[in-house]
C-alpha atoms as a PDB file:
ATOM      1  CA  UNK A   1       0.000   0.000   0.000  1.00  0.00           C
ATOM      2  CA  UNK A   2       2.848   2.361   0.805  1.00  0.00           C
ATOM      3  CA  UNK A   3       5.102   3.307  -2.065  1.00  0.00           C
ATOM      4  CA  UNK A   4       7.897   4.303   0.281  1.00  0.00           C
ATOM      5  CA  UNK A   5      10.876   2.039   0.744  1.00  0.00           C
ATOM      6  CA  UNK A   6      11.022   0.166   4.004  1.00  0.00           C
ATOM      7  CA  UNK A   7      13.838  -1.330   5.939  1.00  0.00           C
ATOM      8  CA  UNK A   8      14.788  -4.878   5.091  1.00  0.00           C
ATOM      9  CA  UNK A   9      13.283  -7.604   7.245  1.00  0.00           C
ATOM     10  CA  UNK A  10      15.499  -9.009   9.979  1.00  0.00           C
ATOM     11  CA  UNK A  11      16.973 -12.424   9.309  1.00  0.00           C
ATOM     12  CA  UNK A  12      15.660 -15.145  11.592  1.00  0.00           C
ATOM     13  CA  UNK A  13      18.038 -17.833  12.741  1.00  0.00           C
ATOM     14  CA  UNK A  14      16.830 -21.388  13.042  1.00  0.00           C
ATOM     15  CA  UNK A  15      17.682 -21.305  16.731  1.00  0.00           C
ATOM     16  CA  UNK A  16      15.400 -18.359  17.389  1.00  0.00           C
ATOM     17  CA  UNK A  17      12.267 -19.213  19.355  1.00  0.00           C
ATOM     18  CA  UNK A  18       9.099 -19.015  17.226  1.00  0.00           C
ATOM     19  CA  UNK A  19       6.464 -16.464  18.248  1.00  0.00           C
ATOM     20  CA  UNK A  20       3.627 -17.523  20.484  1.00  0.00           C
ATOM     21  CA  UNK A  21       0.462 -18.755  18.778  1.00  0.00           C
ATOM     22  CA  UNK A  22      -1.420 -15.661  19.931  1.00  0.00           C
ATOM     23  CA  UNK A  23       1.220 -13.379  18.422  1.00  0.00           C
ATOM     24  CA  UNK A  24       1.344 -15.395  15.222  1.00  0.00           C
ATOM     25  CA  UNK A  25      -2.433 -15.249  14.897  1.00  0.00           C
ATOM     26  CA  UNK A  26      -2.376 -11.515  15.516  1.00  0.00           C
ATOM     27  CA  UNK A  27       0.252 -10.921  12.854  1.00  0.00           C
ATOM     28  CA  UNK A  28      -1.591 -13.106  10.380  1.00  0.00           C
ATOM     29  CA  UNK A  29      -4.976 -11.476  10.880  1.00  0.00           C
ATOM     30  CA  UNK A  30      -4.026  -7.838  11.371  1.00  0.00           C
ATOM     31  CA  UNK A  31      -2.739  -7.082   7.893  1.00  0.00           C
ATOM     32  CA  UNK A  32      -1.374  -3.697   9.054  1.00  0.00           C
ATOM     33  CA  UNK A  33       1.706  -2.625   7.072  1.00  0.00           C
ATOM     34  CA  UNK A  34       4.873  -1.867   9.026  1.00  0.00           C
ATOM     35  CA  UNK A  35       5.598   1.821   9.683  1.00  0.00           C
ATOM     36  CA  UNK A  36       7.468   3.668   6.904  1.00  0.00           C
ATOM     37  CA  UNK A  37      10.948   5.097   7.357  1.00  0.00           C
ATOM     38  CA  UNK A  38       9.683   8.633   6.775  1.00  0.00           C
ATOM     39  CA  UNK A  39       6.407  10.481   6.262  1.00  0.00           C
ATOM     40  CA  UNK A  40       3.868  11.526   5.315  1.00  0.00           C
ATOM     41  CA  UNK A  41       2.922   9.639   8.452  1.00  0.00           C
ATOM     42  CA  UNK A  42      -0.319   7.996   9.363  1.00  0.00           C
ATOM     43  CA  UNK A  43      -1.278   9.469  12.744  1.00  0.00           C
ATOM     44  CA  UNK A  44      -0.477   6.235  14.603  1.00  0.00           C
ATOM     45  CA  UNK A  45       3.149   6.434  13.479  1.00  0.00           C
ATOM     46  CA  UNK A  46       3.710  10.178  13.886  1.00  0.00           C
ATOM     47  CA  UNK A  47       6.895  11.062  15.804  1.00  0.00           C
ATOM     48  CA  UNK A  48       6.304  12.872  19.076  1.00  0.00           C
ATOM     49  CA  UNK A  49       7.798  16.171  20.148  1.00  0.00           C
ATOM     50  CA  UNK A  50       7.310  17.909  16.776  1.00  0.00           C
ATOM     51  CA  UNK A  51       5.559  21.280  16.545  1.00  0.00           C
ATOM     52  CA  UNK A  52       2.893  21.159  13.832  1.00  0.00           C
ATOM     53  CA  UNK A  53       0.144  23.334  12.400  1.00  0.00           C
ATOM     54  CA  UNK A  54      -3.025  21.328  13.035  1.00  0.00           C
ATOM     55  CA  UNK A  55      -5.501  21.579  10.160  1.00  0.00           C
ATOM     56  CA  UNK A  56      -7.538  18.562  11.206  1.00  0.00           C
ATOM     57  CA  UNK A  57      -6.935  15.796   8.693  1.00  0.00           C
ATOM     58  CA  UNK A  58      -3.510  17.216   7.887  1.00  0.00           C
ATOM     59  CA  UNK A  59      -0.836  18.353  10.312  1.00  0.00           C
ATOM     60  CA  UNK A  60       2.055  20.353   8.865  1.00  0.00           C
ATOM     61  CA  UNK A  61       5.440  20.463  10.615  1.00  0.00           C
ATOM     62  CA  UNK A  62       6.556  23.952  11.556  1.00  0.00           C
ATOM     63  CA  UNK A  63       9.885  24.508   9.794  1.00  0.00           C
ATOM     64  CA  UNK A  64      11.723  27.816   9.957  1.00  0.00           C
ATOM     65  CA  UNK A  65      11.674  29.765   6.717  1.00  0.00           C
ATOM     66  CA  UNK A  66       8.582  28.082   5.260  1.00  0.00           C
ATOM     67  CA  UNK A  67       5.588  30.348   4.676  1.00  0.00           C
ATOM     68  CA  UNK A  68       2.217  28.605   4.999  1.00  0.00           C
ATOM     69  CA  UNK A  69      -0.622  30.088   2.950  1.00  0.00           C
ATOM     70  CA  UNK A  70      -4.059  28.735   3.789  1.00  0.00           C
ATOM     71  CA  UNK A  71      -7.225  29.579   1.881  1.00  0.00           C
ATOM     72  CA  UNK A  72     -10.416  28.946   3.845  1.00  0.00           C
ATOM     73  CA  UNK A  73     -14.127  29.465   3.302  1.00  0.00           C
ATOM     74  CA  UNK A  74     -16.260  31.642   5.624  1.00  0.00           C
ATOM     75  CA  UNK A  75     -17.028  28.590   7.789  1.00  0.00           C
ATOM     76  CA  UNK A  76     -13.348  27.967   8.459  1.00  0.00           C
ATOM     77  CA  UNK A  77     -13.049  24.974   6.146  1.00  0.00           C
ATOM     78  CA  UNK A  78      -9.643  24.872   4.463  1.00  0.00           C
ATOM     79  CA  UNK A  79      -9.849  24.745   0.670  1.00  0.00           C
ATOM     80  CA  UNK A  80      -6.193  25.131  -0.276  1.00  0.00           C
ATOM     81  CA  UNK A  81      -2.801  24.808   1.420  1.00  0.00           C
ATOM     82  CA  UNK A  82       0.357  26.157  -0.213  1.00  0.00           C
ATOM     83  CA  UNK A  83       3.809  26.317   1.326  1.00  0.00           C
ATOM     84  CA  UNK A  84       6.417  28.698  -0.042  1.00  0.00           C
ATOM     85  CA  UNK A  85      10.187  28.748   0.322  1.00  0.00           C
ATOM     86  CA  UNK A  86      12.156  31.116  -1.870  1.00  0.00           C
ATOM     87  CA  UNK A  87      11.608  30.261  -5.541  1.00  0.00           C
ATOM     88  CA  UNK A  88       9.665  27.064  -4.765  1.00  0.00           C
ATOM     89  CA  UNK A  89       6.114  26.284  -3.707  1.00  0.00           C
ATOM     90  CA  UNK A  90       4.357  23.120  -2.550  1.00  0.00           C
ATOM     91  CA  UNK A  91       0.581  22.687  -2.763  1.00  0.00           C
ATOM     92  CA  UNK A  92      -0.889  19.910  -0.611  1.00  0.00           C
ATOM     93  CA  UNK A  93      -4.088  17.894  -0.764  1.00  0.00           C
ATOM     94  CA  UNK A  94      -5.239  14.828   1.154  1.00  0.00           C
ATOM     95  CA  UNK A  95      -7.979  12.470  -0.042  1.00  0.00           C
ATOM     96  CA  UNK A  96      -9.913   9.392   1.029  1.00  0.00           C
ATOM     97  CA  UNK A  97      -8.717   6.056  -0.367  1.00  0.00           C
ATOM     98  CA  UNK A  98      -9.582   2.359   0.015  1.00  0.00           C
ATOM     99  CA  UNK A  99      -8.297   0.448   3.004  1.00  0.00           C
ATOM    100  CA  UNK A 100      -6.377  -2.184   1.037  1.00  0.00           C
ATOM    101  CA  UNK A 101      -5.057  -0.482  -2.094  1.00  0.00           C
ATOM    102  CA  UNK A 102      -3.505   2.773  -3.241  1.00  0.00           C
ATOM    103  CA  UNK A 103      -4.992   5.152  -5.797  1.00  0.00           C
ATOM    104  CA  UNK A 104      -1.994   7.292  -6.817  1.00  0.00           C
ATOM    105  CA  UNK A 105      -1.296   5.241  -9.947  1.00  0.00           C
ATOM    106  CA  UNK A 106      -4.842   5.794 -11.212  1.00  0.00           C
ATOM    107  CA  UNK A 107      -4.882   9.461 -10.216  1.00  0.00           C
ATOM    108  CA  UNK A 108      -1.515  10.007 -11.912  1.00  0.00           C
ATOM    109  CA  UNK A 109      -2.807   8.537 -15.170  1.00  0.00           C
ATOM    110  CA  UNK A 110      -5.816  10.848 -15.100  1.00  0.00           C
ATOM    111  CA  UNK A 111      -3.666  13.917 -14.444  1.00  0.00           C
ATOM    112  CA  UNK A 112      -1.394  12.923 -17.328  1.00  0.00           C
ATOM    113  CA  UNK A 113      -4.395  12.391 -19.586  1.00  0.00           C
ATOM    114  CA  UNK A 114      -5.838  15.805 -18.767  1.00  0.00           C
ATOM    115  CA  UNK A 115      -2.479  17.455 -19.454  1.00  0.00           C
ATOM    116  CA  UNK A 116      -2.105  15.659 -22.758  1.00  0.00           C
ATOM    117  CA  UNK A 117      -5.587  16.814 -23.795  1.00  0.00           C
ATOM    118  CA  UNK A 118      -4.437  20.382 -23.119  1.00  0.00           C
ATOM    119  CA  UNK A 119      -1.405  19.966 -25.347  1.00  0.00           C
ATOM    120  CA  UNK A 120       1.083  19.382 -22.524  1.00  0.00           C
ATOM    121  CA  UNK A 121       3.542  16.470 -22.675  1.00  0.00           C
ATOM    122  CA  UNK A 122       4.002  15.073 -19.137  1.00  0.00           C
ATOM    123  CA  UNK A 123       6.600  12.441 -18.350  1.00  0.00           C
ATOM    124  CA  UNK A 124       7.020  10.003 -15.499  1.00  0.00           C
ATOM    125  CA  UNK A 125      10.151  10.048 -13.358  1.00  0.00           C
ATOM    126  CA  UNK A 126      11.261   8.000 -10.362  1.00  0.00           C
ATOM    127  CA  UNK A 127      11.337   9.850  -7.069  1.00  0.00           C
ATOM    128  CA  UNK A 128      11.625   9.250  -3.360  1.00  0.00           C
ATOM    129  CA  UNK A 129       8.016   8.084  -3.117  1.00  0.00           C
ATOM    130  CA  UNK A 130       7.882   6.170  -6.377  1.00  0.00           C
ATOM    131  CA  UNK A 131       6.653   7.362  -9.767  1.00  0.00           C
ATOM    132  CA  UNK A 132       6.153  11.121 -10.100  1.00  0.00           C
ATOM    133  CA  UNK A 133       4.758  13.235 -12.913  1.00  0.00           C
ATOM    134  CA  UNK A 134       6.755  16.124 -14.396  1.00  0.00           C
ATOM    135  CA  UNK A 135       5.527  18.601 -16.997  1.00  0.00           C
ATOM    136  CA  UNK A 136       6.078  22.093 -18.368  1.00  0.00           C
ATOM    137  CA  UNK A 137       2.857  24.077 -18.470  1.00  0.00           C
ATOM    138  CA  UNK A 138       1.905  27.504 -19.763  1.00  0.00           C
ATOM    139  CA  UNK A 139       1.115  30.160 -17.171  1.00  0.00           C
ATOM    140  CA  UNK A 140       0.320  33.895 -17.434  1.00  0.00           C
ATOM    141  CA  UNK A 141       3.996  34.488 -16.609  1.00  0.00           C
ATOM    142  CA  UNK A 142       5.265  32.070 -19.243  1.00  0.00           C
ATOM    143  CA  UNK A 143       6.222  28.355 -19.283  1.00  0.00           C
ATOM    144  CA  UNK A 144       6.787  26.780 -15.858  1.00  0.00           C
ATOM    145  CA  UNK A 145       7.632  23.319 -14.546  1.00  0.00           C
ATOM    146  CA  UNK A 146       5.285  21.418 -12.235  1.00  0.00           C
ATOM    147  CA  UNK A 147       5.865  18.093 -10.518  1.00  0.00           C
ATOM    148  CA  UNK A 148       3.174  15.906  -8.978  1.00  0.00           C
ATOM    149  CA  UNK A 149       4.049  13.512  -6.151  1.00  0.00           C
ATOM    150  CA  UNK A 150       1.576  11.029  -4.685  1.00  0.00           C
ATOM    151  CA  UNK A 151       1.838   9.066  -1.462  1.00  0.00           C
ATOM    152  CA  UNK A 152      -0.613   6.246  -0.689  1.00  0.00           C
ATOM    153  CA  UNK A 153      -1.415   5.544   2.942  1.00  0.00           C
ATOM    154  CA  UNK A 154      -3.987   3.487   4.845  1.00  0.00           C
ATOM    155  CA  UNK A 155      -7.337   4.918   3.669  1.00  0.00           C
ATOM    156  CA  UNK A 156      -5.745   8.146   2.457  1.00  0.00           C
ATOM    157  CA  UNK A 157      -3.605   9.621  -0.302  1.00  0.00           C
ATOM    158  CA  UNK A 158      -1.498  12.770  -0.165  1.00  0.00           C
ATOM    159  CA  UNK A 159      -1.082  14.642  -3.447  1.00  0.00           C
ATOM    160  CA  UNK A 160       1.771  17.135  -3.509  1.00  0.00           C
ATOM    161  CA  UNK A 161       2.352  19.618  -6.322  1.00  0.00           C
ATOM    162  CA  UNK A 162       5.783  21.219  -6.538  1.00  0.00           C
ATOM    163  CA  UNK A 163       6.152  24.451  -8.487  1.00  0.00           C
ATOM    164  CA  UNK A 164       9.161  26.585  -9.271  1.00  0.00           C
ATOM    165  CA  UNK A 165      12.744  25.485  -8.680  1.00  0.00           C
ATOM    166  CA  UNK A 166      11.748  22.375  -6.702  1.00  0.00           C
ATOM    167  CA  UNK A 167       9.624  21.183  -9.628  1.00  0.00           C
ATOM    168  CA  UNK A 168      12.336  21.265 -12.260  1.00  0.00           C
ATOM    169  CA  UNK A 169      15.060  19.996  -9.913  1.00  0.00           C
ATOM    170  CA  UNK A 170      14.057  17.612  -7.068  1.00  0.00           C
ATOM    171  CA  UNK A 171      17.455  18.279  -5.539  1.00  0.00           C
ATOM    172  CA  UNK A 172      16.247  21.788  -4.727  1.00  0.00           C
ATOM    173  CA  UNK A 173      13.242  20.714  -2.645  1.00  0.00           C
ATOM    174  CA  UNK A 174      15.097  21.753   0.484  1.00  0.00           C
ATOM    175  CA  UNK A 175      12.842  22.442   3.447  1.00  0.00           C
ATOM    176  CA  UNK A 176       9.715  21.823   1.360  1.00  0.00           C
ATOM    177  CA  UNK A 177      10.848  18.219   1.009  1.00  0.00           C
ATOM    178  CA  UNK A 178      11.223  18.133   4.793  1.00  0.00           C
ATOM    179  CA  UNK A 179       7.667  19.393   5.151  1.00  0.00           C
ATOM    180  CA  UNK A 180       6.332  16.641   2.891  1.00  0.00           C
ATOM    181  CA  UNK A 181       8.249  13.910   4.705  1.00  0.00           C
ATOM    182  CA  UNK A 182       7.062  15.289   8.051  1.00  0.00           C
ATOM    183  CA  UNK A 183       3.338  15.559   7.288  1.00  0.00           C
ATOM    184  CA  UNK A 184       0.888  13.715   9.517  1.00  0.00           C
ATOM    185  CA  UNK A 185      -2.450  12.491   8.148  1.00  0.00           C
ATOM    186  CA  UNK A 186      -5.283  12.061  10.652  1.00  0.00           C
ATOM    187  CA  UNK A 187      -7.886   9.894   8.926  1.00  0.00           C
ATOM    188  CA  UNK A 188     -11.236   9.863  10.705  1.00  0.00           C
ATOM    189  CA  UNK A 189     -13.404   6.738  10.887  1.00  0.00           C
ATOM    190  CA  UNK A 190     -16.145   8.140   8.660  1.00  0.00           C
ATOM    191  CA  UNK A 191     -16.802   6.142   5.474  1.00  0.00           C
ATOM    192  CA  UNK A 192     -16.026   8.459   2.583  1.00  0.00           C
ATOM    193  CA  UNK A 193     -16.130   8.124  -1.197  1.00  0.00           C
ATOM    194  CA  UNK A 194     -12.741   7.385  -2.727  1.00  0.00           C
ATOM    195  CA  UNK A 195     -10.931  10.627  -3.668  1.00  0.00           C
ATOM    196  CA  UNK A 196     -13.147  12.829  -1.534  1.00  0.00           C
ATOM    197  CA  UNK A 197     -10.966  15.517   0.089  1.00  0.00           C
ATOM    198  CA  UNK A 198     -10.506  14.815   3.772  1.00  0.00           C
ATOM    199  CA  UNK A 199     -11.864  17.663   5.904  1.00  0.00           C
ATOM    200  CA  UNK A 200      -9.416  20.350   6.975  1.00  0.00           C
ATOM    201  CA  UNK A 201     -10.196  23.303   9.197  1.00  0.00           C
ATOM    202  CA  UNK A 202      -8.333  26.350  10.408  1.00  0.00           C
ATOM    203  CA  UNK A 203      -7.036  26.134  13.979  1.00  0.00           C
ATOM    204  CA  UNK A 204      -9.405  27.866  16.362  1.00  0.00           C
ATOM    205  CA  UNK A 205      -7.088  30.837  16.892  1.00  0.00           C
ATOM    206  CA  UNK A 206      -6.650  31.453  13.152  1.00  0.00           C
ATOM    207  CA  UNK A 207     -10.375  31.094  12.504  1.00  0.00           C
ATOM    208  CA  UNK A 208     -11.182  33.623  15.241  1.00  0.00           C
ATOM    209  CA  UNK A 209      -8.639  36.086  13.852  1.00  0.00           C
ATOM    210  CA  UNK A 210     -10.150  35.745  10.387  1.00  0.00           C
ATOM    211  CA  UNK A 211     -13.662  36.272  11.697  1.00  0.00           C
ATOM    212  CA  UNK A 212     -12.552  39.332  13.655  1.00  0.00           C
ATOM    213  CA  UNK A 213     -10.863  40.805  10.586  1.00  0.00           C
ATOM    214  CA  UNK A 214     -13.959  40.161   8.461  1.00  0.00           C
ATOM    215  CA  UNK A 215     -16.197  41.763  11.083  1.00  0.00           C
ATOM    216  CA  UNK A 216     -13.968  44.816  11.334  1.00  0.00           C
ATOM    217  CA  UNK A 217     -14.043  45.171   7.563  1.00  0.00           C
ATOM    218  CA  UNK A 218     -17.818  44.855   7.471  1.00  0.00           C
ATOM    219  CA  UNK A 219     -18.113  47.594  10.091  1.00  0.00           C
ATOM    220  CA  UNK A 220     -15.799  49.876   8.142  1.00  0.00           C
ATOM    221  CA  UNK A 221     -13.142  49.696  10.843  1.00  0.00           C
ATOM    222  CA  UNK A 222     -10.146  47.845   9.413  1.00  0.00           C
ATOM    223  CA  UNK A 223      -7.737  46.451  11.952  1.00  0.00           C
ATOM    224  CA  UNK A 224      -4.732  48.643  12.684  1.00  0.00           C
END
């Protein structure tokens, strides 16, 4: 299910004692994949002691120098998350997925198909998380490179879109790559259609600040 590389299994010597029947039955019936070596993390595997911006289904590690731009609706629901560092940007999305299989391969094919229909020629490249999608697209400011990265997790998928320097050269991801590998996905227990965006909300403090600013504007008294 995870496209990330995992550590090799430990060799078992013939003299090693076999696991108890209860443990063996548990391992056989659980079906839970071992934790990855790096994130995006499922919440159960998230390292402790890390400061993160809590957006509900997605928690973003706080890394110095990274600007977090969040677009929310009037109810506080987050509609877009973009992180900026210098000449690079990283847009993040998190979606519902089946319990037993990943969806990035299918999503990647559809993105490539849509680009091709628009006259863009995407190409697949191998990256840290598996197969990525790289393309040069036309923007109001001229041609620009974009790079899509997908990470399949248990009942979720993270889609990351690099733009700018980090898109054309993965070696220039820098701290944005650290953000992606430090993400935490908190998947609720609600049954959701595959590919439905998982709910994200502004932290209470940010939501209250936004509401206060909107109220001040409505009253004709902008905040000083």
